[in-house]
Amino acid sequence: MSCGGELDGSGHPLLVTCEYYGEMHVVNVTKETCMDELYAELCERWPEMDRASTRLQYEAPKDKMMVGLRRDEDILNMIRFHVVSKASICNVVATRFSVSEKQKR
């Protein structure tokens, strides 16, 4: 799902487990992965998912707080956070929201 590359010289991408409506899939993410690619991969696995009404958040290692994924830079920060924390798996949760919720953001 990435354009290639590695995270920290180990040759291993970050494994991202994504949960959506109780179903989980695993995708690989590298520093070259952009939000469009991530959404394309997830929408391929869940055809009913669309970027306009889906929020992606990942669980920060050690802190156990949810952090939003909205821009390409957020993916790089997620990777850096996991590399520094020596975590090779990232838990992402995809949630659907309504148009009215989006307008409040």
Protein backbone atom coordinates (compact mmCIF):
# COMPACT_ATOMS: atom_id res chain seq x y z
CA MET A 1 0.00 0.00 0.00
CA SER A 2 2.99 2.26 0.06
CA CYS A 3 5.26 3.71 -2.53
CA GLY A 4 8.18 1.88 -0.92
CA GLY A 5 10.67 2.87 1.73
CA GLU A 6 11.18 1.91 5.31
CA LEU A 7 10.70 3.51 8.67
CA ASP A 8 13.93 3.27 10.56
CA GLY A 9 16.45 1.37 8.48
CA SER A 10 15.08 -2.00 9.59
CA GLY A 11 13.34 -2.58 6.27
CA HIS A 12 9.98 -3.05 7.98
CA PRO A 13 6.98 -0.78 7.42
CA LEU A 14 4.67 0.19 10.25
CA LEU A 15 1.86 -2.35 10.50
CA VAL A 16 -1.46 -0.59 10.90
CA THR A 17 -4.46 -2.49 12.18
CA CYS A 18 -7.62 -0.64 11.23
CA GLU A 19 -10.98 -1.37 12.81
CA TYR A 20 -14.23 -0.30 11.16
CA TYR A 21 -17.63 -1.50 12.36
CA GLY A 22 -16.13 -4.41 14.30
CA GLU A 23 -14.01 -5.73 11.42
CA MET A 24 -10.22 -5.41 11.32
CA HIS A 25 -7.71 -5.31 8.46
CA VAL A 26 -3.95 -4.84 8.46
CA VAL A 27 -2.16 -2.49 6.07
CA ASN A 28 1.49 -1.45 5.74
CA VAL A 29 2.41 2.22 6.04
CA THR A 30 5.74 3.84 5.21
CA LYS A 31 6.95 7.42 5.26
CA GLU A 32 5.95 7.67 1.59
CA THR A 33 2.31 6.77 2.29
CA CYS A 34 -0.09 9.68 1.86
CA MET A 35 -3.66 10.10 3.13
CA ASP A 36 -5.10 9.48 -0.35
CA GLU A 37 -3.31 6.11 -0.52
CA LEU A 38 -4.37 5.16 3.00
CA TYR A 39 -8.02 5.96 2.31
CA ALA A 40 -7.87 4.19 -1.07
CA GLU A 41 -6.55 1.04 0.61
CA LEU A 42 -9.17 1.15 3.35
CA CYS A 43 -12.03 1.90 0.94
CA GLU A 44 -10.93 -1.09 -1.14
CA ARG A 45 -11.34 -3.30 1.92
CA TRP A 46 -14.56 -1.59 3.06
CA PRO A 47 -16.46 -0.41 -0.05
CA GLU A 48 -19.06 1.39 2.08
CA MET A 49 -16.35 3.64 3.57
CA ASP A 50 -15.75 7.06 2.06
CA ARG A 51 -13.25 9.75 3.01
CA ALA A 52 -15.84 12.52 3.25
CA SER A 53 -17.68 10.86 6.14
CA THR A 54 -14.95 8.79 7.83
CA ARG A 55 -12.67 9.90 10.64
CA LEU A 56 -9.36 8.07 11.20
CA GLN A 57 -7.66 8.12 14.58
CA TYR A 58 -4.70 6.16 15.91
CA GLU A 59 -3.83 5.15 19.43
CA ALA A 60 -0.66 6.88 20.60
CA PRO A 61 1.82 4.37 22.06
CA LYS A 62 2.19 4.47 25.84
CA ASP A 63 -0.23 7.42 26.20
CA LYS A 64 -3.23 5.40 24.96
CA MET A 65 -4.77 8.63 23.63
CA MET A 66 -6.49 8.86 20.25
CA VAL A 67 -4.82 11.14 17.70
CA GLY A 68 -6.56 12.30 14.51
CA LEU A 69 -5.27 11.51 11.01
CA ARG A 70 -6.29 14.23 8.59
CA ARG A 71 -3.23 15.22 6.53
CA ASP A 72 -0.14 13.58 5.07
CA GLU A 73 1.93 15.17 7.84
CA ASP A 74 -0.20 13.33 10.41
CA ILE A 75 0.93 10.01 8.91
CA LEU A 76 4.59 11.04 9.24
CA ASN A 77 4.01 12.09 12.84
CA MET A 78 2.27 8.77 13.56
CA ILE A 79 5.26 6.90 12.14
CA ARG A 80 7.78 9.01 14.08
CA PHE A 81 5.80 8.53 17.28
CA HIS A 82 5.82 4.76 16.83
CA VAL A 83 9.51 4.59 15.85
CA VAL A 84 10.56 6.63 18.89
CA SER A 85 8.33 4.45 21.09
CA LYS A 86 9.80 1.31 19.47
CA ALA A 87 6.31 0.16 18.49
CA SER A 88 5.90 -1.62 15.15
CA ILE A 89 2.10 -1.94 15.22
CA CYS A 90 -0.32 0.95 15.18
CA ASN A 91 -4.00 0.67 16.05
CA VAL A 92 -6.27 2.86 13.91
CA VAL A 93 -10.00 3.25 14.37
CA ALA A 94 -12.21 4.44 11.52
CA THR A 95 -15.54 5.96 12.51
CA ARG A 96 -18.32 7.28 10.35
CA PHE A 97 -19.81 10.68 11.12
CA SER A 98 -22.69 12.66 9.69
CA VAL A 99 -22.43 15.73 7.48
CA SER A 100 -23.70 17.92 10.32
CA GLU A 101 -20.88 16.68 12.58
CA LYS A 102 -18.33 17.53 9.90
CA GLN A 103 -19.62 21.10 9.67
CA LYS A 104 -19.02 21.53 13.43
CA ARG A 105 -15.33 20.54 13.08
